Amino acid sequence: MTNILFSLPWPLPARATRQPIVPVFLPYAGCPVRCVFCAQHIQTGRNPAPLAATLKTALAVLRHRREQGLPPAELAFYGGTFTAQPPAALRACLNLFETACRQGLASTFRCSTRPDAVDTPRLALLRDAGCSMVELGIQSFDDAALAAARRGYDGACAHAACQAVTAAGLRLGVQLMPGMPGVTPEIFLRDVSRLCTNPAAVTAHAVRFYPCVVMEGTELARLWREGRYIPWPLETTLDALAEAWLMALHARMPVIRMGLAPENDLAAALLAGPWDPALGTRVMARALFRHVRRGLEARGLRGLIRLEVPRRCQGYFWGAHSELRAAWAGLGLATPPVWSTGHLIRIEARSAP
């Protein structure tokens, strides 16, 4: 039995943008249908308000930032289906950005929309108005899952929309929903693989993972009460997201969100499903553990003797409430890791007898 030294790369998660973002929430605006899982007023912490009032508030926020000496921001139009709004409403949003840009308050904007609400003229309008990124609420590329969630489009439409965004010279963001009706862990990871390993077909610049949860007031709540929908268990979700996060990490595709933000009304409206305030920490911790374990298995090694990990992993190495200490001990890690600079994981382990 001998000791083996080797290193594994641990890429720094890429950042989609370093520019500060000022969100403008437009719940349900332009939405042609109400999806079975949708409760945007709870997910965003904003009830629908008159558009003029929402835009006025956004401009006031931007001006307040300037008074504080902060740099120009990126406006982000979230919620609803931005490109399917009535023409006057869409123009009002673009006018807000034009005003903010002219006054030095904002330099670009992004928006979220549905894949069946983008076409060449609308994308050209966004690009020429100063848009930097279009985030598509794909949810899944699987036809059966999209039908089960009543999304109103199929995988081919979702795929074509991704291509149209990048062809228009815009950066593409993709939102996926693990655990949505009809989405199994295998389907979810296949969706992620489509974004990460097939860049000739779809080139995503950022991705969000929103595990499906059951919110009061949705069609999904009725299906859940009738026993016709069963949400993913939290453990299943953590494992699937850990694998997806690893795939995105190695593809240098930023994961800019995992799970719903803890808005004030969320706890009261959440009926079931894999929501956890420490979801991101737990996912990244599991991804790191899997990466090291696979490195050992690939070399036929057992029994960690020493582990040196980039310092940027320190905040999530053990998982939430040190939940992975036993798992690391099972690999032989008897002492805490050594924190280092750089991007390599250095490992000393025993060879098999």
Protein backbone atom coordinates (compact mmCIF):
# COMPACT_ATOMS: atom_id res chain seq x y z
CA MET A 1 0.00 0.00 0.00
CA THR A 2 1.41 3.38 -1.01
CA ASN A 3 0.33 6.99 -0.73
CA ILE A 4 -0.66 8.78 -3.94
CA LEU A 5 -0.60 12.52 -4.52
CA PHE A 6 -2.71 14.08 -7.27
CA SER A 7 -4.67 17.22 -8.10
CA LEU A 8 -8.14 17.94 -9.43
CA PRO A 9 -9.20 21.22 -11.06
CA TRP A 10 -11.93 23.18 -9.31
CA PRO A 11 -12.97 25.94 -11.72
CA LEU A 12 -14.06 29.22 -10.26
CA PRO A 13 -17.79 29.59 -10.95
CA ALA A 14 -18.10 32.08 -13.79
CA ARG A 15 -20.03 35.26 -13.21
CA ALA A 16 -22.76 36.34 -15.60
CA THR A 17 -22.18 40.00 -14.76
CA ARG A 18 -20.49 42.14 -12.14
CA GLN A 19 -22.78 45.08 -12.79
CA PRO A 20 -25.34 45.83 -10.07
CA ILE A 21 -28.91 44.98 -11.01
CA VAL A 22 -32.05 46.94 -10.20
CA PRO A 23 -35.05 44.62 -10.66
CA VAL A 24 -38.39 45.80 -12.00
CA PHE A 25 -41.03 43.22 -11.14
CA LEU A 26 -43.98 42.87 -13.51
CA PRO A 27 -45.96 39.88 -12.17
CA TYR A 28 -48.15 38.21 -14.83
CA ALA A 29 -47.62 41.10 -17.28
CA GLY A 30 -48.16 39.82 -20.80
CA CYS A 31 -48.65 36.20 -19.72
CA PRO A 32 -50.97 34.41 -22.19
CA VAL A 33 -51.73 31.59 -19.74
CA ARG A 34 -51.41 30.86 -16.03
CA CYS A 35 -49.02 27.93 -15.63
CA VAL A 36 -49.97 25.23 -13.14
CA PHE A 37 -47.14 26.12 -10.75
CA CYS A 38 -47.19 29.89 -11.06
CA ALA A 39 -47.64 32.28 -8.13
CA GLN A 40 -45.50 35.21 -9.24
CA HIS A 41 -46.85 37.66 -6.70
CA ILE A 42 -45.51 35.38 -3.96
CA GLN A 43 -42.31 34.33 -5.73
CA THR A 44 -41.29 37.93 -6.38
CA GLY A 45 -42.73 39.42 -3.20
CA ARG A 46 -44.66 41.92 -5.33
CA ASN A 47 -48.37 42.17 -6.03
CA PRO A 48 -49.34 43.43 -9.48
CA ALA A 49 -49.39 47.24 -9.49
CA PRO A 50 -50.18 49.83 -12.16
CA LEU A 51 -47.33 49.87 -14.65
CA ALA A 52 -46.83 53.62 -14.38
CA ALA A 53 -46.37 53.37 -10.61
CA THR A 54 -43.91 50.46 -10.96
CA LEU A 55 -41.79 52.32 -13.50
CA LYS A 56 -41.86 55.52 -11.46
CA THR A 57 -40.58 53.62 -8.43
CA ALA A 58 -37.80 52.03 -10.47
CA LEU A 59 -36.65 55.43 -11.72
CA ALA A 60 -36.65 56.76 -8.14
CA VAL A 61 -34.47 53.82 -7.06
CA LEU A 62 -32.01 54.54 -9.84
CA ARG A 63 -31.82 58.22 -8.92
CA HIS A 64 -31.31 57.35 -5.26
CA ARG A 65 -28.40 55.14 -6.26
CA ARG A 66 -26.77 58.05 -8.06
CA GLU A 67 -27.25 60.30 -5.05
CA GLN A 68 -25.34 57.70 -3.04
CA GLY A 69 -22.49 57.78 -5.54
CA LEU A 70 -23.21 54.33 -6.93
CA PRO A 71 -22.43 53.43 -10.57
CA PRO A 72 -25.03 52.99 -13.30
CA ALA A 73 -27.03 49.78 -12.91
CA GLU A 74 -28.52 47.17 -15.17
CA LEU A 75 -32.32 47.23 -15.21
CA ALA A 76 -33.91 43.79 -15.04
CA PHE A 77 -37.55 43.34 -16.04
CA TYR A 78 -38.62 40.19 -14.21
CA GLY A 79 -41.92 38.38 -13.92
CA GLY A 80 -44.56 38.05 -16.56
CA THR A 81 -43.81 37.73 -20.25
CA PHE A 82 -41.98 40.93 -21.11
CA THR A 83 -42.13 40.64 -24.89
CA ALA A 84 -45.84 39.73 -24.92
CA GLN A 85 -47.02 42.88 -23.18
CA PRO A 86 -49.35 45.20 -25.09
CA PRO A 87 -47.31 47.52 -27.34
CA ALA A 88 -47.96 50.57 -25.18
CA ALA A 89 -46.78 48.78 -22.02
CA LEU A 90 -43.66 47.45 -23.73
CA ARG A 91 -42.87 50.91 -25.07
CA ALA A 92 -43.30 52.41 -21.59
CA CYS A 93 -40.73 49.97 -20.20
CA LEU A 94 -38.28 50.74 -22.99
CA ASN A 95 -38.87 54.48 -22.47
CA LEU A 96 -37.98 54.04 -18.80
CA PHE A 97 -34.65 52.52 -19.76
CA GLU A 98 -34.04 55.20 -22.38
CA THR A 99 -34.63 57.90 -19.78
CA ALA A 100 -32.42 56.16 -17.24
CA CYS A 101 -29.69 55.66 -19.80
CA ARG A 102 -29.82 59.27 -20.95
CA GLN A 103 -29.49 60.44 -17.34
CA GLY A 104 -26.56 58.12 -16.66
CA LEU A 105 -28.56 55.97 -14.23
CA ALA A 106 -28.45 52.69 -16.19
CA SER A 107 -26.32 51.34 -18.99
CA THR A 108 -28.19 48.23 -20.12
CA PHE A 109 -31.17 46.04 -19.31
CA ARG A 110 -32.28 42.42 -19.34
CA CYS A 111 -35.72 40.86 -19.44
CA SER A 112 -37.41 37.52 -18.90
CA THR A 113 -39.97 36.06 -21.27
CA ARG A 114 -41.39 32.85 -22.72
CA PRO A 115 -39.82 30.96 -25.65
CA ASP A 116 -43.04 31.30 -27.66
CA ALA A 117 -42.97 35.09 -27.27
CA VAL A 118 -39.72 35.85 -29.09
CA ASP A 119 -39.26 36.36 -32.81
CA THR A 120 -36.81 38.24 -35.00
CA PRO A 121 -38.61 41.63 -34.93
CA ARG A 122 -39.11 41.62 -31.16
CA LEU A 123 -35.54 40.53 -30.48
CA ALA A 124 -34.23 43.21 -32.82
CA LEU A 125 -36.33 45.78 -30.97
CA LEU A 126 -34.82 44.69 -27.65
CA ARG A 127 -31.28 44.67 -28.99
CA ASP A 128 -31.59 48.10 -30.57
CA ALA A 129 -33.12 49.47 -27.35
CA GLY A 130 -30.06 48.42 -25.32
CA CYS A 131 -30.95 44.95 -24.03
CA SER A 132 -28.02 42.79 -22.98
CA MET A 133 -29.65 39.49 -22.06
CA VAL A 134 -32.94 37.71 -22.63
CA GLU A 135 -33.83 35.08 -20.04
CA LEU A 136 -36.14 32.40 -21.36
CA GLY A 137 -38.44 30.52 -18.99
CA ILE A 138 -37.79 27.22 -20.74
CA GLN A 139 -38.50 25.05 -17.65
CA SER A 140 -37.71 21.92 -19.70
CA PHE A 141 -37.01 20.85 -23.26
CA ASP A 142 -39.04 17.67 -22.78
CA ASP A 143 -42.31 17.64 -24.75
CA ALA A 144 -44.27 15.47 -22.31
CA ALA A 145 -43.20 17.55 -19.31
CA LEU A 146 -44.10 20.80 -21.06
CA ALA A 147 -47.53 19.39 -21.89
CA ALA A 148 -48.05 18.19 -18.31
CA ALA A 149 -47.29 21.68 -16.99
CA ARG A 150 -49.50 23.24 -19.68
CA ARG A 151 -46.73 25.51 -20.88
CA GLY A 152 -48.27 25.86 -24.34
CA TYR A 153 -45.14 25.13 -26.40
CA ASP A 154 -42.91 22.14 -27.12
CA GLY A 155 -39.22 21.40 -26.92
CA ALA A 156 -38.62 22.39 -30.52
CA CYS A 157 -40.06 25.84 -29.82
CA ALA A 158 -37.85 26.19 -26.74
CA HIS A 159 -34.79 25.14 -28.72
CA ALA A 160 -35.57 27.53 -31.58
CA ALA A 161 -36.09 30.41 -29.15
CA CYS A 162 -32.65 29.85 -27.62
CA GLN A 163 -31.08 29.93 -31.06
CA ALA A 164 -33.04 33.05 -32.01
CA VAL A 165 -31.81 34.97 -28.97
CA THR A 166 -28.15 34.26 -29.66
CA ALA A 167 -28.61 34.83 -33.41
CA ALA A 168 -29.92 38.31 -32.58
CA GLY A 169 -26.64 39.10 -30.83
CA LEU A 170 -28.14 38.90 -27.34
CA ARG A 171 -26.87 36.90 -24.39
CA LEU A 172 -29.09 33.99 -23.42
CA GLY A 173 -30.28 33.09 -19.95
CA VAL A 174 -32.24 29.89 -19.38
CA GLN A 175 -34.53 29.02 -16.49
CA LEU A 176 -35.10 25.32 -15.75
CA MET A 177 -37.55 23.81 -13.27
CA PRO A 178 -36.49 20.46 -11.80
CA GLY A 179 -39.46 18.60 -10.36
CA MET A 180 -42.03 20.30 -12.59
CA PRO A 181 -44.88 17.92 -13.48
CA GLY A 182 -43.43 15.34 -15.84
CA VAL A 183 -39.78 16.20 -15.10
CA THR A 184 -37.77 13.37 -13.57
CA PRO A 185 -34.16 13.76 -12.38
CA GLU A 186 -33.07 12.06 -15.60
CA ILE A 187 -35.03 14.52 -17.74
CA PHE A 188 -33.70 17.48 -15.76
CA LEU A 189 -30.08 16.41 -16.16
CA ARG A 190 -30.68 15.81 -19.84
CA ASP A 191 -31.97 19.39 -20.10
CA VAL A 192 -28.84 20.68 -18.34
CA SER A 193 -26.61 18.58 -20.56
CA ARG A 194 -28.27 20.13 -23.58
CA LEU A 195 -27.10 23.53 -22.37
CA CYS A 196 -23.62 22.48 -21.24
CA THR A 197 -22.34 19.91 -23.69
CA ASN A 198 -23.93 20.85 -26.99
CA PRO A 199 -22.89 24.46 -27.56
CA ALA A 200 -23.38 24.18 -31.30
CA ALA A 201 -27.11 23.83 -30.67
CA VAL A 202 -27.71 25.99 -27.60
CA THR A 203 -25.24 28.46 -26.10
CA ALA A 204 -26.53 29.60 -22.72
CA HIS A 205 -24.63 32.35 -20.93
CA ALA A 206 -26.37 31.80 -17.60
CA VAL A 207 -28.88 29.44 -16.05
CA ARG A 208 -31.29 29.48 -13.12
CA PHE A 209 -32.55 26.37 -11.37
CA TYR A 210 -35.95 26.80 -9.74
CA PRO A 211 -37.02 23.51 -8.09
CA CYS A 212 -40.79 23.17 -8.40
CA VAL A 213 -42.71 23.79 -5.18
CA VAL A 214 -46.42 23.81 -4.45
CA MET A 215 -47.81 27.26 -3.70
CA GLU A 216 -51.28 28.05 -2.39
CA GLY A 217 -53.59 29.45 -5.04
CA THR A 218 -52.09 27.53 -7.95
CA GLU A 219 -53.46 24.73 -10.09
CA LEU A 220 -50.58 22.64 -8.81
CA ALA A 221 -51.94 22.99 -5.28
CA ARG A 222 -55.19 21.37 -6.38
CA LEU A 223 -53.34 18.56 -8.15
CA TRP A 224 -51.21 17.99 -5.06
CA ARG A 225 -54.25 17.84 -2.77
CA GLU A 226 -55.84 15.31 -5.11
CA GLY A 227 -52.70 13.18 -5.08
CA ARG A 228 -52.07 13.80 -8.77
CA TYR A 229 -48.77 15.59 -8.26
CA ILE A 230 -45.97 14.54 -5.93
CA PRO A 231 -43.09 17.03 -5.53
CA TRP A 232 -39.52 15.85 -5.51
CA PRO A 233 -38.14 15.03 -2.04
CA LEU A 234 -35.49 17.47 -0.86
CA GLU A 235 -32.77 14.79 -0.99
CA THR A 236 -33.60 13.99 -4.62
CA THR A 237 -33.49 17.69 -5.45
CA LEU A 238 -30.15 18.24 -3.71
CA ASP A 239 -28.56 15.32 -5.54
CA ALA A 240 -29.90 16.37 -8.95
CA LEU A 241 -28.87 19.99 -8.45
CA ALA A 242 -25.39 18.96 -7.27
CA GLU A 243 -24.91 17.04 -10.50
CA ALA A 244 -26.34 19.90 -12.57
CA TRP A 245 -24.15 22.47 -10.79
CA LEU A 246 -21.05 20.37 -11.52
CA MET A 247 -22.01 20.15 -15.17
CA ALA A 248 -22.53 23.90 -15.41
CA LEU A 249 -19.33 24.63 -13.48
CA HIS A 250 -17.18 22.62 -15.85
CA ALA A 251 -18.93 24.17 -18.85
CA ARG A 252 -18.12 27.65 -17.41
CA MET A 253 -21.83 28.47 -17.46
CA PRO A 254 -22.84 30.62 -14.48
CA VAL A 255 -25.64 29.32 -12.27
CA ILE A 256 -27.07 32.65 -11.15
CA ARG A 257 -29.88 31.32 -8.97
CA MET A 258 -30.89 28.10 -7.23
CA GLY A 259 -34.34 28.12 -5.66
CA LEU A 260 -36.81 30.82 -4.74
CA ALA A 261 -35.73 33.77 -2.64
CA PRO A 262 -37.20 33.80 0.90
CA GLU A 263 -39.82 36.48 0.33
CA ASN A 264 -42.04 37.52 3.24
CA ASP A 265 -45.17 35.69 2.02
CA LEU A 266 -43.39 32.55 0.86
CA ALA A 267 -43.54 30.55 4.09
CA ALA A 268 -47.27 31.07 4.53
CA ALA A 269 -48.06 30.10 0.92
CA LEU A 270 -45.64 27.16 0.59
CA LEU A 271 -47.59 23.90 0.84
CA ALA A 272 -45.04 21.29 -0.23
CA GLY A 273 -41.85 20.80 -2.14
CA PRO A 274 -38.07 21.05 -1.83
CA TRP A 275 -37.55 24.59 -0.60
CA ASP A 276 -34.61 25.23 1.72
CA PRO A 277 -33.09 28.59 2.71
CA ALA A 278 -29.62 26.99 2.50
CA LEU A 279 -30.26 25.24 -0.83
CA GLY A 280 -27.28 26.74 -2.66
CA THR A 281 -24.83 25.95 0.13
CA ARG A 282 -26.02 22.37 0.37
CA VAL A 283 -25.89 21.85 -3.39
CA MET A 284 -22.37 23.22 -3.83
CA ALA A 285 -21.12 21.20 -0.86
CA ARG A 286 -22.45 17.98 -2.36
CA ALA A 287 -21.03 18.84 -5.76
CA LEU A 288 -17.55 19.30 -4.27
CA PHE A 289 -17.80 16.04 -2.34
CA ARG A 290 -18.85 14.15 -5.48
CA HIS A 291 -15.97 15.67 -7.43
CA VAL A 292 -13.39 14.48 -4.89
CA ARG A 293 -14.99 11.05 -4.48
CA ARG A 294 -15.01 10.49 -8.23
CA GLY A 295 -11.37 11.55 -8.41
CA LEU A 296 -10.51 8.87 -5.88
CA GLU A 297 -12.64 6.21 -7.56
CA ALA A 298 -11.16 6.93 -10.98
CA ARG A 299 -7.69 6.17 -9.60
CA GLY A 300 -8.71 3.17 -7.54
CA LEU A 301 -7.82 4.95 -4.31
CA ARG A 302 -9.32 4.84 -0.86
CA GLY A 303 -8.76 6.66 2.38
CA LEU A 304 -8.07 10.38 2.20
CA ILE A 305 -4.96 11.30 4.15
CA ARG A 306 -4.77 15.00 3.35
CA LEU A 307 -7.01 17.34 1.39
CA GLU A 308 -6.14 20.85 0.21
CA VAL A 309 -9.08 22.86 -1.14
CA PRO A 310 -9.36 26.38 -2.62
CA ARG A 311 -10.27 28.88 0.06
CA ARG A 312 -13.35 30.00 -1.86
CA CYS A 313 -14.91 26.60 -0.96
CA GLN A 314 -14.61 27.33 2.76
CA GLY A 315 -18.12 28.76 3.07
CA TYR A 316 -19.82 25.61 1.81
CA PHE A 317 -17.33 22.75 2.23
CA TRP A 318 -19.12 21.02 5.13
CA GLY A 319 -22.64 21.79 3.90
CA ALA A 320 -25.40 23.32 6.02
CA HIS A 321 -24.93 22.61 9.73
CA SER A 322 -21.88 20.44 8.89
CA GLU A 323 -24.14 17.78 7.36
CA LEU A 324 -21.32 16.30 5.24
CA ARG A 325 -18.83 15.66 8.04
CA ALA A 326 -19.81 12.00 8.23
CA ALA A 327 -19.57 11.61 4.46
CA TRP A 328 -16.08 13.11 4.40
CA ALA A 329 -15.10 10.89 7.31
CA GLY A 330 -16.31 7.95 5.25
CA LEU A 331 -13.73 8.89 2.63
CA GLY A 332 -11.08 8.90 5.34
CA LEU A 333 -10.82 12.64 5.98
CA ALA A 334 -9.88 12.65 9.66
CA THR A 335 -8.70 16.26 9.86
CA PRO A 336 -10.15 19.48 8.38
CA PRO A 337 -8.96 20.40 4.90
CA VAL A 338 -6.18 22.88 4.26
CA TRP A 339 -7.39 26.09 2.61
CA SER A 340 -5.29 27.34 -0.29
CA THR A 341 -5.28 29.88 -3.07
CA GLY A 342 -5.61 28.91 -6.70
CA HIS A 343 -8.02 26.54 -8.41
CA LEU A 344 -6.67 23.07 -7.62
CA ILE A 345 -7.81 20.46 -5.14
CA ARG A 346 -4.71 18.62 -3.92
CA ILE A 347 -5.26 15.13 -2.57
CA GLU A 348 -3.15 12.60 -0.76
CA ALA A 349 -4.76 9.17 -0.50
CA ARG A 350 -3.91 5.53 0.02
CA SER A 351 -3.77 3.10 -2.86
CA ALA A 352 -5.77 -0.10 -2.65
CA PRO A 353 -3.87 -3.08 -1.19
